[in-house]
């Protein structure tokens, strides 16, 4: 039951993360608005595969470190918890810039493969994404979460990214909806920040 609650919490936070303006959020909206919904969706595929890679090396690194030293288990757990708590506070108290979701108009089109590569590289080279996944999976593994739960999240989070990014690419091609969301994006930040703080506490006391 604890594993199911943990999985549900992490996936819910991942959804909230997609509703807060950031580099990948802006990229999806930009590609959908400048090119097409199809290009936005192929960008989403690239981002999802990037997430799969992030999680793969996070799991490998955490497993290797724990196998080398028993003491690393506790250190890794609380480093991850500390980063999640820091990220939560930072998101709650940082007001997003008014121009974060602006885009520029371009005339040329791009191929589906180019859109995929753009999404993949933007995700892989994003240090915030690396830290986000590393902190979650390092703390999960060091806390003794069930192997099936870690494996489930490894598959579910990239799928979740694809679904959320695809929804955003369709959603924000409607100008009225985009304008309405811009008014309330700080509320999404607060929800995500509080959720990350709760996740940090949950993992800290996970037994």
N, C-alpha and C. Protein backbone atom coordinates (compact mmCIF):
# COMPACT_ATOMS: atom_id res chain seq x y z
N UNK A 1 0.82 -1.21 0.00
CA UNK A 1 0.00 0.00 0.00
C UNK A 1 0.86 1.27 0.00
N UNK A 2 1.97 1.22 0.78
CA UNK A 2 2.87 2.37 0.84
C UNK A 2 3.45 2.67 -0.54
N UNK A 3 3.81 1.61 -1.28
CA UNK A 3 4.37 1.80 -2.61
C UNK A 3 3.36 2.44 -3.57
N UNK A 4 2.11 2.03 -3.46
CA UNK A 4 1.06 2.59 -4.32
C UNK A 4 0.85 4.07 -4.02
N UNK A 5 0.85 4.41 -2.74
CA UNK A 5 0.70 5.83 -2.35
C UNK A 5 1.88 6.64 -2.87
N UNK A 6 3.09 6.08 -2.74
CA UNK A 6 4.30 6.76 -3.20
C UNK A 6 4.27 6.97 -4.70
N UNK A 7 3.89 5.93 -5.45
CA UNK A 7 3.79 6.04 -6.91
C UNK A 7 2.77 7.10 -7.31
N UNK A 8 1.60 7.07 -6.67
CA UNK A 8 0.55 8.04 -6.99
C UNK A 8 1.00 9.46 -6.71
N UNK A 9 1.70 9.64 -5.59
CA UNK A 9 2.19 10.98 -5.22
C UNK A 9 3.21 11.49 -6.22
N UNK A 10 4.15 10.64 -6.60
CA UNK A 10 5.19 11.05 -7.55
C UNK A 10 4.60 11.38 -8.92
N UNK A 11 3.66 10.56 -9.39
CA UNK A 11 3.04 10.84 -10.69
C UNK A 11 2.21 12.12 -10.65
N UNK A 12 1.53 12.37 -9.52
CA UNK A 12 0.75 13.60 -9.38
C UNK A 12 1.67 14.82 -9.41
N UNK A 13 2.81 14.72 -8.73
CA UNK A 13 3.79 15.81 -8.73
C UNK A 13 4.34 16.03 -10.14
N UNK A 14 4.55 14.94 -10.86
CA UNK A 14 5.06 15.05 -12.22
C UNK A 14 4.07 15.79 -13.12
N UNK A 15 2.78 15.54 -12.90
CA UNK A 15 1.75 16.28 -13.65
C UNK A 15 1.81 17.76 -13.30
N UNK A 16 1.89 18.08 -12.00
CA UNK A 16 2.00 19.47 -11.57
C UNK A 16 3.23 20.13 -12.18
N UNK A 17 4.33 19.37 -12.26
CA UNK A 17 5.57 19.91 -12.81
C UNK A 17 5.38 20.38 -14.25
N UNK A 18 4.55 19.66 -14.99
CA UNK A 18 4.28 20.04 -16.37
C UNK A 18 3.40 21.28 -16.48
N UNK A 19 2.71 21.64 -15.40
CA UNK A 19 1.83 22.81 -15.42
C UNK A 19 2.52 24.07 -14.94
N UNK A 20 3.83 23.98 -14.68
CA UNK A 20 4.59 25.15 -14.27
C UNK A 20 5.54 25.54 -15.38
N UNK A 21 5.50 26.80 -15.82
CA UNK A 21 6.33 27.23 -16.94
C UNK A 21 7.82 26.99 -16.69
N UNK A 22 8.45 26.31 -17.61
CA UNK A 22 9.87 26.02 -17.56
C UNK A 22 10.35 25.81 -18.98
N UNK A 23 11.63 25.45 -19.19
CA UNK A 23 12.16 25.32 -20.56
C UNK A 23 11.39 24.35 -21.45
N UNK A 24 11.03 23.18 -20.92
CA UNK A 24 10.32 22.19 -21.74
C UNK A 24 8.88 22.60 -21.99
N UNK A 25 8.26 23.21 -20.98
CA UNK A 25 6.90 23.74 -21.12
C UNK A 25 6.87 24.77 -22.26
N UNK A 26 7.82 25.70 -22.24
CA UNK A 26 7.89 26.75 -23.26
C UNK A 26 8.18 26.15 -24.64
N UNK A 27 9.08 25.16 -24.68
CA UNK A 27 9.43 24.54 -25.96
C UNK A 27 8.22 23.89 -26.61
N UNK A 28 7.45 23.15 -25.83
CA UNK A 28 6.26 22.48 -26.36
C UNK A 28 5.27 23.50 -26.93
N UNK A 29 4.97 24.55 -26.14
CA UNK A 29 4.01 25.56 -26.58
C UNK A 29 4.52 26.28 -27.83
N UNK A 30 5.81 26.62 -27.81
CA UNK A 30 6.40 27.33 -28.94
C UNK A 30 6.30 26.50 -30.22
N UNK A 31 6.71 25.23 -30.16
CA UNK A 31 6.67 24.40 -31.37
C UNK A 31 5.26 24.16 -31.87
N UNK A 32 4.31 24.03 -30.95
CA UNK A 32 2.91 23.83 -31.35
C UNK A 32 2.35 25.10 -32.00
N UNK A 33 2.69 26.25 -31.43
CA UNK A 33 2.16 27.51 -31.95
C UNK A 33 2.84 27.95 -33.24
N UNK A 34 4.17 27.80 -33.28
CA UNK A 34 4.92 28.28 -34.44
C UNK A 34 4.78 27.33 -35.62
N UNK A 35 4.78 26.03 -35.37
CA UNK A 35 4.74 25.07 -36.46
C UNK A 35 3.35 24.41 -36.58
N UNK A 36 3.08 23.43 -35.71
CA UNK A 36 1.79 22.74 -35.77
C UNK A 36 1.63 21.86 -34.54
N UNK A 37 0.40 21.36 -34.32
CA UNK A 37 0.18 20.42 -33.22
C UNK A 37 0.99 19.14 -33.42
N UNK A 38 1.09 18.69 -34.68
CA UNK A 38 1.86 17.49 -34.98
C UNK A 38 3.31 17.65 -34.54
N UNK A 39 3.90 18.81 -34.84
CA UNK A 39 5.29 19.06 -34.45
C UNK A 39 5.40 19.12 -32.92
N UNK A 40 4.38 19.70 -32.27
CA UNK A 40 4.37 19.73 -30.82
C UNK A 40 4.36 18.33 -30.23
N UNK A 41 3.59 17.43 -30.83
CA UNK A 41 3.49 16.06 -30.33
C UNK A 41 4.80 15.30 -30.57
N UNK A 42 5.46 15.51 -31.70
CA UNK A 42 6.75 14.86 -31.93
C UNK A 42 7.82 15.40 -30.99
N UNK A 43 7.71 16.66 -30.64
CA UNK A 43 8.60 17.22 -29.63
C UNK A 43 8.36 16.51 -28.29
N UNK A 44 7.10 16.23 -28.02
CA UNK A 44 6.73 15.51 -26.78
C UNK A 44 7.35 14.12 -26.75
N UNK A 45 7.39 13.45 -27.91
CA UNK A 45 8.00 12.12 -27.97
C UNK A 45 9.48 12.20 -27.60
N UNK A 46 10.17 13.21 -28.13
CA UNK A 46 11.59 13.40 -27.81
C UNK A 46 11.81 13.65 -26.33
N UNK A 47 10.95 14.45 -25.72
CA UNK A 47 11.06 14.74 -24.29
C UNK A 47 10.84 13.47 -23.47
N UNK A 48 9.86 12.66 -23.87
CA UNK A 48 9.56 11.42 -23.15
C UNK A 48 10.74 10.46 -23.18
N UNK A 49 11.37 10.31 -24.35
CA UNK A 49 12.55 9.43 -24.46
C UNK A 49 13.69 10.00 -23.62
N UNK A 50 13.82 11.32 -23.59
CA UNK A 50 14.83 11.95 -22.74
C UNK A 50 14.62 11.62 -21.28
N UNK A 51 13.36 11.61 -20.85
CA UNK A 51 13.05 11.24 -19.46
C UNK A 51 13.45 9.80 -19.17
N UNK A 52 13.20 8.93 -20.12
CA UNK A 52 13.55 7.51 -19.95
C UNK A 52 15.06 7.37 -19.72
N UNK A 53 15.85 8.14 -20.47
CA UNK A 53 17.31 8.10 -20.32
C UNK A 53 17.73 8.68 -18.97
N UNK A 54 17.14 9.82 -18.58
CA UNK A 54 17.43 10.42 -17.27
C UNK A 54 17.22 9.39 -16.15
N UNK A 55 16.09 8.71 -16.20
CA UNK A 55 15.74 7.75 -15.15
C UNK A 55 16.69 6.56 -15.17
N UNK A 56 17.09 6.12 -16.37
CA UNK A 56 17.98 4.96 -16.50
C UNK A 56 19.31 5.23 -15.80
N UNK A 57 19.94 6.39 -16.08
CA UNK A 57 21.23 6.63 -15.44
C UNK A 57 21.08 6.99 -13.97
N UNK A 58 19.93 7.54 -13.57
CA UNK A 58 19.69 7.82 -12.15
C UNK A 58 19.62 6.52 -11.35
N UNK A 59 18.90 5.53 -11.90
CA UNK A 59 18.79 4.23 -11.24
C UNK A 59 20.15 3.53 -11.20
N UNK A 60 20.87 3.56 -12.32
CA UNK A 60 22.17 2.89 -12.39
C UNK A 60 23.16 3.51 -11.40
N UNK A 61 23.20 4.85 -11.35
CA UNK A 61 24.14 5.53 -10.45
C UNK A 61 23.80 5.26 -8.99
N UNK A 62 22.52 5.31 -8.65
CA UNK A 62 22.10 5.09 -7.27
C UNK A 62 22.40 3.65 -6.84
N UNK A 63 22.11 2.71 -7.73
CA UNK A 63 22.35 1.29 -7.41
C UNK A 63 23.84 1.03 -7.22
N UNK A 64 24.67 1.61 -8.09
CA UNK A 64 26.12 1.43 -8.00
C UNK A 64 26.67 2.02 -6.71
N UNK A 65 26.23 3.22 -6.37
CA UNK A 65 26.72 3.88 -5.17
C UNK A 65 26.35 3.10 -3.92
N UNK A 66 25.13 2.61 -3.87
CA UNK A 66 24.67 1.85 -2.71
C UNK A 66 25.43 0.53 -2.58
N UNK A 67 25.76 -0.10 -3.72
CA UNK A 67 26.49 -1.37 -3.68
C UNK A 67 27.92 -1.19 -3.18
N UNK A 68 28.46 0.00 -3.34
CA UNK A 68 29.84 0.27 -2.91
C UNK A 68 29.92 0.47 -1.40
N UNK A 69 28.92 1.15 -0.85
CA UNK A 69 28.99 1.49 0.58
C UNK A 69 27.61 1.49 1.21
N UNK A 70 27.48 0.83 2.37
CA UNK A 70 26.22 0.83 3.10
C UNK A 70 25.88 2.23 3.61
N UNK A 71 26.91 2.98 3.98
CA UNK A 71 26.69 4.34 4.51
C UNK A 71 26.09 5.25 3.46
N UNK A 72 26.39 4.92 2.18
CA UNK A 72 25.86 5.74 1.09
C UNK A 72 24.34 5.71 1.05
N UNK A 73 23.75 4.65 1.57
CA UNK A 73 22.29 4.50 1.58
C UNK A 73 21.63 5.68 2.27
N UNK A 74 22.07 5.94 3.50
CA UNK A 74 21.48 7.04 4.29
C UNK A 74 21.83 8.39 3.70
N UNK A 75 23.10 8.56 3.31
CA UNK A 75 23.55 9.84 2.74
C UNK A 75 22.76 10.16 1.48
N UNK A 76 22.62 9.17 0.60
CA UNK A 76 21.92 9.36 -0.66
C UNK A 76 20.45 9.71 -0.43
N UNK A 77 19.85 9.03 0.53
CA UNK A 77 18.45 9.27 0.83
C UNK A 77 18.22 10.72 1.25
N UNK A 78 19.03 11.21 2.19
CA UNK A 78 18.77 12.55 2.72
C UNK A 78 19.29 13.68 1.82
N UNK A 79 20.26 13.36 0.96
CA UNK A 79 20.64 14.34 -0.06
C UNK A 79 19.47 14.54 -1.03
N UNK A 80 18.84 13.43 -1.43
CA UNK A 80 17.68 13.52 -2.32
C UNK A 80 16.52 14.23 -1.67
N UNK A 81 16.25 13.90 -0.40
CA UNK A 81 15.17 14.55 0.34
C UNK A 81 15.44 16.05 0.47
N UNK A 82 16.70 16.37 0.78
CA UNK A 82 17.07 17.79 0.92
C UNK A 82 16.88 18.57 -0.37
N UNK A 83 17.25 17.94 -1.51
CA UNK A 83 17.09 18.63 -2.78
C UNK A 83 15.61 18.83 -3.13
N UNK A 84 14.80 17.81 -2.88
CA UNK A 84 13.36 17.93 -3.15
C UNK A 84 12.74 19.04 -2.30
N UNK A 85 13.15 19.12 -1.02
CA UNK A 85 12.64 20.17 -0.14
C UNK A 85 13.09 21.54 -0.63
N UNK A 86 14.37 21.65 -1.01
CA UNK A 86 14.89 22.91 -1.54
C UNK A 86 14.12 23.34 -2.79
N UNK A 87 13.90 22.38 -3.68
CA UNK A 87 13.18 22.67 -4.92
C UNK A 87 11.76 23.13 -4.62
N UNK A 88 11.12 22.47 -3.64
CA UNK A 88 9.77 22.86 -3.25
C UNK A 88 9.71 24.30 -2.75
N UNK A 89 10.63 24.66 -1.83
CA UNK A 89 10.67 26.03 -1.32
C UNK A 89 10.95 27.04 -2.44
N UNK A 90 11.88 26.69 -3.30
CA UNK A 90 12.27 27.59 -4.39
C UNK A 90 11.08 27.87 -5.32
N UNK A 91 10.34 26.82 -5.66
CA UNK A 91 9.20 26.97 -6.56
C UNK A 91 8.09 27.79 -5.92
N UNK A 92 7.83 27.55 -4.63
CA UNK A 92 6.77 28.28 -3.94
C UNK A 92 7.06 29.78 -3.89
N UNK A 93 8.31 30.13 -3.62
CA UNK A 93 8.65 31.52 -3.38
C UNK A 93 9.24 32.25 -4.57
N UNK A 94 9.29 31.60 -5.73
CA UNK A 94 9.78 32.26 -6.93
C UNK A 94 8.62 32.54 -7.86
N UNK A 95 8.37 33.81 -8.12
CA UNK A 95 7.28 34.17 -9.03
C UNK A 95 7.77 34.07 -10.46
N UNK A 96 7.05 33.34 -11.33
CA UNK A 96 7.49 33.19 -12.71
C UNK A 96 7.51 34.51 -13.46
N UNK A 97 8.44 34.63 -14.37
CA UNK A 97 8.56 35.84 -15.17
C UNK A 97 7.35 35.98 -16.09
N UNK A 98 6.95 37.22 -16.32
CA UNK A 98 5.77 37.48 -17.13
C UNK A 98 5.96 37.05 -18.58
N UNK A 99 7.21 36.98 -19.02
CA UNK A 99 7.46 36.67 -20.43
C UNK A 99 7.83 35.23 -20.70
N UNK A 100 7.67 34.33 -19.74
CA UNK A 100 8.15 32.97 -19.87
C UNK A 100 7.50 32.18 -20.99
N UNK A 101 6.23 32.44 -21.25
CA UNK A 101 5.55 31.64 -22.27
C UNK A 101 5.41 32.36 -23.59
N UNK A 102 6.18 33.45 -23.79
CA UNK A 102 6.12 34.16 -25.06
C UNK A 102 6.86 33.36 -26.14
N UNK A 103 6.51 33.58 -27.35
CA UNK A 103 7.19 32.89 -28.45
C UNK A 103 7.38 33.83 -29.62
N UNK A 104 8.30 33.50 -30.50
CA UNK A 104 8.53 34.32 -31.68
C UNK A 104 8.01 33.57 -32.89
N UNK A 105 7.56 34.31 -33.88
CA UNK A 105 6.99 33.70 -35.08
C UNK A 105 8.09 33.40 -36.09
N UNK A 106 8.12 32.19 -36.61
CA UNK A 106 9.07 31.80 -37.63
C UNK A 106 8.28 31.27 -38.83
N UNK A 107 8.86 31.45 -40.00
CA UNK A 107 8.15 31.08 -41.22
C UNK A 107 8.37 29.63 -41.62
N UNK A 108 9.62 29.16 -41.50
CA UNK A 108 9.92 27.83 -42.00
C UNK A 108 9.32 26.74 -41.12
N UNK A 109 9.15 25.57 -41.72
CA UNK A 109 8.62 24.43 -40.97
C UNK A 109 9.79 23.50 -40.64
N UNK A 110 9.56 22.55 -39.75
CA UNK A 110 10.57 21.55 -39.43
C UNK A 110 9.95 20.18 -39.55
N UNK A 111 10.80 19.16 -39.71
CA UNK A 111 10.30 17.79 -39.87
C UNK A 111 9.98 17.18 -38.51
N UNK A 112 9.29 16.05 -38.55
CA UNK A 112 8.97 15.34 -37.31
C UNK A 112 10.24 14.89 -36.60
N UNK A 113 11.25 14.45 -37.38
CA UNK A 113 12.52 14.01 -36.80
C UNK A 113 13.24 15.18 -36.12
N UNK A 114 13.21 16.34 -36.75
CA UNK A 114 13.84 17.52 -36.15
C UNK A 114 13.13 17.91 -34.85
N UNK A 115 11.80 17.81 -34.86
CA UNK A 115 11.03 18.11 -33.64
C UNK A 115 11.39 17.13 -32.53
N UNK A 116 11.51 15.84 -32.89
CA UNK A 116 11.90 14.82 -31.92
C UNK A 116 13.27 15.14 -31.33
N UNK A 117 14.24 15.46 -32.19
CA UNK A 117 15.60 15.75 -31.72
C UNK A 117 15.62 16.99 -30.83
N UNK A 118 14.82 17.98 -31.18
CA UNK A 118 14.76 19.20 -30.38
C UNK A 118 14.26 18.89 -28.97
N UNK A 119 13.18 18.11 -28.88
CA UNK A 119 12.63 17.75 -27.58
C UNK A 119 13.59 16.90 -26.77
N UNK A 120 14.22 15.92 -27.44
CA UNK A 120 15.15 15.01 -26.75
C UNK A 120 16.36 15.77 -26.20
N UNK A 121 17.00 16.58 -27.05
CA UNK A 121 18.20 17.30 -26.62
C UNK A 121 17.89 18.35 -25.57
N UNK A 122 16.75 19.03 -25.71
CA UNK A 122 16.38 20.04 -24.71
C UNK A 122 16.20 19.40 -23.34
N UNK A 123 15.67 18.19 -23.31
CA UNK A 123 15.46 17.47 -22.05
C UNK A 123 16.78 16.93 -21.50
N UNK A 124 17.54 16.23 -22.34
CA UNK A 124 18.79 15.61 -21.90
C UNK A 124 19.78 16.66 -21.38
N UNK A 125 19.81 17.84 -22.00
CA UNK A 125 20.76 18.88 -21.62
C UNK A 125 20.23 19.83 -20.55
N UNK A 126 19.06 19.51 -20.02
CA UNK A 126 18.45 20.35 -18.98
C UNK A 126 18.92 19.87 -17.60
N UNK A 127 19.78 20.64 -16.91
CA UNK A 127 20.29 20.19 -15.60
C UNK A 127 19.20 20.05 -14.54
N UNK A 128 18.15 20.85 -14.63
CA UNK A 128 17.05 20.75 -13.66
C UNK A 128 16.34 19.41 -13.78
N UNK A 129 16.16 18.94 -15.03
CA UNK A 129 15.52 17.64 -15.24
C UNK A 129 16.39 16.53 -14.67
N UNK A 130 17.71 16.64 -14.89
CA UNK A 130 18.64 15.64 -14.36
C UNK A 130 18.53 15.54 -12.84
N UNK A 131 18.56 16.69 -12.17
CA UNK A 131 18.51 16.72 -10.71
C UNK A 131 17.15 16.23 -10.20
N UNK A 132 16.09 16.58 -10.90
CA UNK A 132 14.74 16.18 -10.50
C UNK A 132 14.62 14.66 -10.47
N UNK A 133 14.99 14.02 -11.57
CA UNK A 133 14.87 12.56 -11.65
C UNK A 133 15.88 11.87 -10.75
N UNK A 134 17.10 12.39 -10.70
CA UNK A 134 18.12 11.77 -9.85
C UNK A 134 17.71 11.80 -8.39
N UNK A 135 17.15 12.93 -7.94
CA UNK A 135 16.76 13.03 -6.53
C UNK A 135 15.61 12.09 -6.20
N UNK A 136 14.64 11.99 -7.10
CA UNK A 136 13.50 11.11 -6.85
C UNK A 136 13.93 9.64 -6.82
N UNK A 137 14.66 9.21 -7.84
CA UNK A 137 14.99 7.78 -7.92
C UNK A 137 16.11 7.39 -6.94
N UNK A 138 17.01 8.30 -6.63
CA UNK A 138 18.03 7.99 -5.63
C UNK A 138 17.38 7.79 -4.27
N UNK A 139 16.43 8.65 -3.93
CA UNK A 139 15.77 8.52 -2.63
C UNK A 139 14.85 7.30 -2.58
N UNK A 140 14.22 6.99 -3.69
CA UNK A 140 13.37 5.79 -3.74
C UNK A 140 14.19 4.53 -3.51
N UNK A 141 15.29 4.41 -4.23
CA UNK A 141 16.12 3.21 -4.12
C UNK A 141 16.77 3.12 -2.75
N UNK A 142 17.30 4.25 -2.26
CA UNK A 142 17.97 4.24 -0.96
C UNK A 142 16.98 4.03 0.18
N UNK A 143 15.69 4.31 -0.05
CA UNK A 143 14.68 4.11 0.99
C UNK A 143 14.13 2.69 1.00
N UNK A 144 14.56 1.89 0.04
CA UNK A 144 14.12 0.50 0.00
C UNK A 144 12.77 0.30 -0.66
N UNK A 145 12.40 1.20 -1.56
CA UNK A 145 11.15 1.03 -2.29
C UNK A 145 11.20 -0.26 -3.11
N UNK A 146 10.06 -0.89 -3.30
CA UNK A 146 9.99 -2.15 -4.03
C UNK A 146 10.51 -1.99 -5.46
N UNK A 147 11.19 -3.02 -5.96
CA UNK A 147 11.75 -2.97 -7.31
C UNK A 147 10.66 -2.71 -8.35
N UNK A 148 9.50 -3.36 -8.15
CA UNK A 148 8.41 -3.19 -9.12
C UNK A 148 7.93 -1.74 -9.16
N UNK A 149 7.97 -1.05 -8.01
CA UNK A 149 7.54 0.35 -7.96
C UNK A 149 8.50 1.24 -8.74
N UNK A 150 9.80 0.99 -8.56
CA UNK A 150 10.82 1.76 -9.30
C UNK A 150 10.67 1.49 -10.80
N UNK A 151 10.50 0.21 -11.17
CA UNK A 151 10.34 -0.14 -12.58
C UNK A 151 9.08 0.47 -13.19
N UNK A 152 8.00 0.47 -12.41
CA UNK A 152 6.74 1.04 -12.89
C UNK A 152 6.91 2.54 -13.18
N UNK A 153 7.57 3.25 -12.26
CA UNK A 153 7.78 4.69 -12.45
C UNK A 153 8.72 4.97 -13.62
N UNK A 154 9.69 4.08 -13.83
CA UNK A 154 10.62 4.23 -14.96
C UNK A 154 9.86 4.26 -16.29
N UNK A 155 8.81 3.47 -16.38
CA UNK A 155 7.99 3.43 -17.60
C UNK A 155 6.91 4.52 -17.57
N UNK A 156 6.28 4.68 -16.40
CA UNK A 156 5.12 5.57 -16.30
C UNK A 156 5.48 7.05 -16.46
N UNK A 157 6.62 7.47 -15.92
CA UNK A 157 6.96 8.90 -15.98
C UNK A 157 7.24 9.39 -17.40
N UNK A 158 7.98 8.65 -18.24
CA UNK A 158 8.11 9.08 -19.63
C UNK A 158 6.76 9.11 -20.37
N UNK A 159 5.90 8.10 -20.10
CA UNK A 159 4.57 8.11 -20.73
C UNK A 159 3.79 9.32 -20.26
N UNK A 160 3.89 9.60 -18.97
CA UNK A 160 3.22 10.77 -18.40
C UNK A 160 3.70 12.05 -19.08
N UNK A 161 5.01 12.14 -19.32
CA UNK A 161 5.57 13.32 -19.99
C UNK A 161 5.01 13.46 -21.40
N UNK A 162 4.94 12.33 -22.11
CA UNK A 162 4.40 12.38 -23.47
C UNK A 162 2.95 12.86 -23.47
N UNK A 163 2.15 12.29 -22.58
CA UNK A 163 0.73 12.66 -22.52
C UNK A 163 0.57 14.14 -22.15
N UNK A 164 1.27 14.59 -21.12
CA UNK A 164 1.13 15.97 -20.68
C UNK A 164 1.63 16.95 -21.74
N UNK A 165 2.78 16.65 -22.34
CA UNK A 165 3.32 17.54 -23.37
C UNK A 165 2.41 17.58 -24.60
N UNK A 166 1.82 16.45 -24.95
CA UNK A 166 0.89 16.40 -26.09
C UNK A 166 -0.37 17.20 -25.80
N UNK A 167 -0.89 17.06 -24.57
CA UNK A 167 -2.08 17.82 -24.16
C UNK A 167 -1.79 19.31 -24.21
N UNK A 168 -0.61 19.71 -23.73
CA UNK A 168 -0.25 21.13 -23.76
C UNK A 168 -0.13 21.65 -25.18
N UNK A 169 0.41 20.83 -26.08
CA UNK A 169 0.57 21.28 -27.47
C UNK A 169 -0.77 21.51 -28.15
N UNK A 170 -1.79 20.75 -27.75
CA UNK A 170 -3.14 20.94 -28.27
C UNK A 170 -3.83 22.08 -27.53
N UNK A 171 -3.69 22.06 -26.22
CA UNK A 171 -4.38 23.01 -25.34
C UNK A 171 -4.00 24.46 -25.66
N UNK A 172 -2.69 24.71 -25.80
CA UNK A 172 -2.23 26.09 -25.94
C UNK A 172 -2.26 26.61 -27.37
N UNK A 173 -2.73 25.83 -28.31
CA UNK A 173 -2.95 26.37 -29.64
C UNK A 173 -4.28 27.13 -29.69
N UNK A 174 -5.01 27.09 -28.58
CA UNK A 174 -6.24 27.87 -28.45
C UNK A 174 -5.92 29.13 -27.63
N UNK A 175 -5.95 30.28 -28.27
CA UNK A 175 -5.45 31.52 -27.68
C UNK A 175 -6.16 31.91 -26.38
N UNK A 176 -7.47 31.71 -26.29
CA UNK A 176 -8.20 32.10 -25.08
C UNK A 176 -7.75 31.29 -23.87
N UNK A 177 -7.54 30.00 -24.09
CA UNK A 177 -7.10 29.12 -23.00
C UNK A 177 -5.70 29.50 -22.56
N UNK A 178 -4.83 29.80 -23.50
CA UNK A 178 -3.45 30.19 -23.19
C UNK A 178 -3.44 31.45 -22.35
N UNK A 179 -4.27 32.43 -22.72
CA UNK A 179 -4.32 33.69 -21.99
C UNK A 179 -4.85 33.50 -20.57
N UNK A 180 -5.85 32.61 -20.42
CA UNK A 180 -6.41 32.35 -19.10
C UNK A 180 -5.38 31.68 -18.19
N UNK A 181 -4.65 30.71 -18.75
CA UNK A 181 -3.66 29.99 -17.96
C UNK A 181 -2.56 30.94 -17.47
N UNK A 182 -2.19 31.90 -18.31
CA UNK A 182 -1.12 32.83 -17.96
C UNK A 182 -1.43 33.59 -16.67
N UNK A 183 -2.72 33.81 -16.40
CA UNK A 183 -3.12 34.55 -15.20
C UNK A 183 -2.93 33.72 -13.92
N UNK A 184 -3.00 32.40 -14.07
CA UNK A 184 -3.01 31.54 -12.88
C UNK A 184 -1.79 30.62 -12.78
N UNK A 185 -0.75 30.86 -13.56
CA UNK A 185 0.40 29.94 -13.54
C UNK A 185 1.13 29.95 -12.19
N UNK A 186 1.06 31.07 -11.47
CA UNK A 186 1.72 31.11 -10.16
C UNK A 186 1.03 30.16 -9.17
N UNK A 187 -0.28 29.98 -9.33
CA UNK A 187 -1.01 29.05 -8.47
C UNK A 187 -0.49 27.62 -8.70
N UNK A 188 -0.22 27.28 -9.96
CA UNK A 188 0.33 25.96 -10.29
C UNK A 188 1.70 25.79 -9.64
N UNK A 189 2.50 26.86 -9.61
CA UNK A 189 3.81 26.81 -8.96
C UNK A 189 3.66 26.49 -7.48
N UNK A 190 2.71 27.13 -6.82
CA UNK A 190 2.51 26.90 -5.39
C UNK A 190 2.11 25.46 -5.12
N UNK A 191 1.18 24.93 -5.92
CA UNK A 191 0.75 23.53 -5.76
C UNK A 191 1.94 22.58 -5.92
N UNK A 192 2.77 22.82 -6.95
CA UNK A 192 3.91 21.95 -7.19
C UNK A 192 4.91 22.04 -6.04
N UNK A 193 5.21 23.25 -5.58
CA UNK A 193 6.15 23.43 -4.49
C UNK A 193 5.72 22.71 -3.22
N UNK A 194 4.45 22.87 -2.85
CA UNK A 194 3.92 22.21 -1.65
C UNK A 194 3.95 20.69 -1.82
N UNK A 195 3.60 20.22 -3.03
CA UNK A 195 3.61 18.77 -3.29
C UNK A 195 5.02 18.20 -3.16
N UNK A 196 6.03 18.93 -3.63
CA UNK A 196 7.41 18.47 -3.51
C UNK A 196 7.85 18.41 -2.05
N UNK A 197 7.44 19.39 -1.26
CA UNK A 197 7.76 19.39 0.17
C UNK A 197 7.13 18.18 0.86
N UNK A 198 5.89 17.88 0.51
CA UNK A 198 5.21 16.72 1.09
C UNK A 198 5.88 15.41 0.67
N UNK A 199 6.32 15.35 -0.61
CA UNK A 199 7.02 14.16 -1.08
C UNK A 199 8.33 13.98 -0.33
N UNK A 200 9.06 15.07 -0.10
CA UNK A 200 10.32 15.00 0.65
C UNK A 200 10.08 14.43 2.04
N UNK A 201 9.03 14.89 2.70
CA UNK A 201 8.71 14.37 4.04
C UNK A 201 8.31 12.90 3.98
N UNK A 202 7.52 12.54 2.95
CA UNK A 202 7.05 11.16 2.83
C UNK A 202 8.24 10.21 2.64
N UNK A 203 9.18 10.59 1.78
CA UNK A 203 10.34 9.73 1.52
C UNK A 203 11.27 9.70 2.74
N UNK A 204 11.39 10.84 3.43
CA UNK A 204 12.27 10.90 4.60
C UNK A 204 11.83 9.89 5.68
N UNK A 205 10.52 9.70 5.80
CA UNK A 205 9.99 8.80 6.83
C UNK A 205 9.53 7.47 6.27
N UNK A 206 9.83 7.23 4.97
CA UNK A 206 9.45 5.96 4.33
C UNK A 206 10.24 4.83 4.95
N UNK A 207 9.56 3.77 5.29
CA UNK A 207 10.24 2.64 5.95
C UNK A 207 9.94 1.34 5.22
